[in-house]
Amino acid sequence: MRDVPTWRIVLAFLLDLATAFWAFGFLVGWATGGLTGEGFSLSGGPALLFIALVIAYFPVGNRLFGGTLWKHILRARR
């Protein structure tokens, strides 16, 4: 194992969070008709699905792919 600077791990997490928020928001918005001119607007069931997808992105990405998208890009895996 190599020592990865903490700033890389924090930056990867923040970028992953922003990417997941944007991607899953538009995906769920598109699938449920929640897209607006400014982005997406979700409430009720679609909002719960969106939250579940954003939360699941991290453990699924780490377990199945050995790290999330930005962890791979920034080489921030421990």
Protein backbone atom coordinates (compact mmCIF):
# COMPACT_ATOMS: atom_id res chain seq x y z
CA MET A 1 0.00 0.00 0.00
CA ARG A 2 1.19 3.49 -0.74
CA ASP A 3 0.55 6.63 1.24
CA VAL A 4 -1.98 8.85 -0.57
CA PRO A 5 -2.21 12.53 0.44
CA THR A 6 -5.43 13.32 2.30
CA TRP A 7 -6.22 16.23 -0.01
CA ARG A 8 -6.51 13.82 -2.94
CA ILE A 9 -8.98 11.62 -1.07
CA VAL A 10 -11.09 14.61 0.00
CA LEU A 11 -11.03 16.13 -3.49
CA ALA A 12 -11.99 12.78 -5.04
CA PHE A 13 -14.91 12.47 -2.62
CA LEU A 14 -16.18 15.98 -3.37
CA LEU A 15 -15.87 15.51 -7.12
CA ASP A 16 -17.55 12.09 -6.90
CA LEU A 17 -20.39 13.60 -4.89
CA ALA A 18 -20.89 16.40 -7.42
CA THR A 19 -20.68 13.98 -10.36
CA ALA A 20 -23.14 11.52 -8.78
CA PHE A 21 -25.53 14.35 -7.88
CA TRP A 22 -25.50 15.70 -11.42
CA ALA A 23 -25.57 12.36 -13.28
CA PHE A 24 -28.17 10.59 -11.13
CA GLY A 25 -30.28 13.74 -10.86
CA PHE A 26 -30.54 14.05 -14.62
CA LEU A 27 -31.00 10.30 -15.07
CA VAL A 28 -33.86 10.09 -12.58
CA GLY A 29 -35.29 13.39 -13.81
CA TRP A 30 -35.26 12.15 -17.40
CA ALA A 31 -36.80 8.79 -16.47
CA THR A 32 -39.58 10.33 -14.36
CA GLY A 33 -40.28 13.56 -16.24
CA GLY A 34 -38.60 15.74 -13.64
CA LEU A 35 -36.37 17.71 -15.99
CA THR A 36 -36.81 21.48 -16.03
CA GLY A 37 -35.27 24.28 -18.04
CA GLU A 38 -32.72 24.86 -15.27
CA GLY A 39 -31.91 21.20 -14.55
CA PHE A 40 -34.10 18.80 -12.64
CA SER A 41 -36.76 18.93 -9.92
CA LEU A 42 -37.49 15.77 -7.97
CA SER A 43 -39.95 15.09 -5.17
CA GLY A 44 -41.52 12.05 -3.56
CA GLY A 45 -40.49 8.66 -4.91
CA PRO A 46 -38.10 9.98 -7.58
CA ALA A 47 -36.29 12.03 -4.93
CA LEU A 48 -35.89 8.95 -2.71
CA LEU A 49 -34.59 6.94 -5.66
CA PHE A 50 -32.13 9.73 -6.45
CA ILE A 51 -30.85 9.82 -2.85
CA ALA A 52 -30.52 6.02 -2.77
CA LEU A 53 -28.51 6.04 -6.01
CA VAL A 54 -26.15 8.77 -4.79
CA ILE A 55 -25.55 6.91 -1.51
CA ALA A 56 -25.14 3.52 -3.24
CA TYR A 57 -22.64 4.96 -5.74
CA PHE A 58 -19.82 4.96 -3.18
CA PRO A 59 -19.94 1.40 -1.78
CA VAL A 60 -20.86 -0.11 -5.15
CA GLY A 61 -18.06 1.76 -6.93
CA ASN A 62 -15.52 0.82 -4.30
CA ARG A 63 -16.54 -2.83 -4.11
CA LEU A 64 -17.17 -3.65 -7.77
CA PHE A 65 -14.65 -1.39 -9.48
CA GLY A 66 -11.94 -0.95 -6.84
CA GLY A 67 -12.78 2.73 -6.42
CA THR A 68 -15.06 5.44 -7.67
CA LEU A 69 -14.55 7.40 -10.88
CA TRP A 70 -12.61 10.28 -9.32
CA LYS A 71 -10.61 7.97 -7.04
CA HIS A 72 -9.30 6.33 -10.20
CA ILE A 73 -8.66 9.62 -11.99
CA LEU A 74 -6.83 11.20 -9.03
CA ARG A 75 -5.17 7.94 -7.99
CA ALA A 76 -6.59 8.40 -4.51
CA ARG A 77 -7.15 4.74 -3.65
CA ARG A 78 -5.61 3.35 -0.50
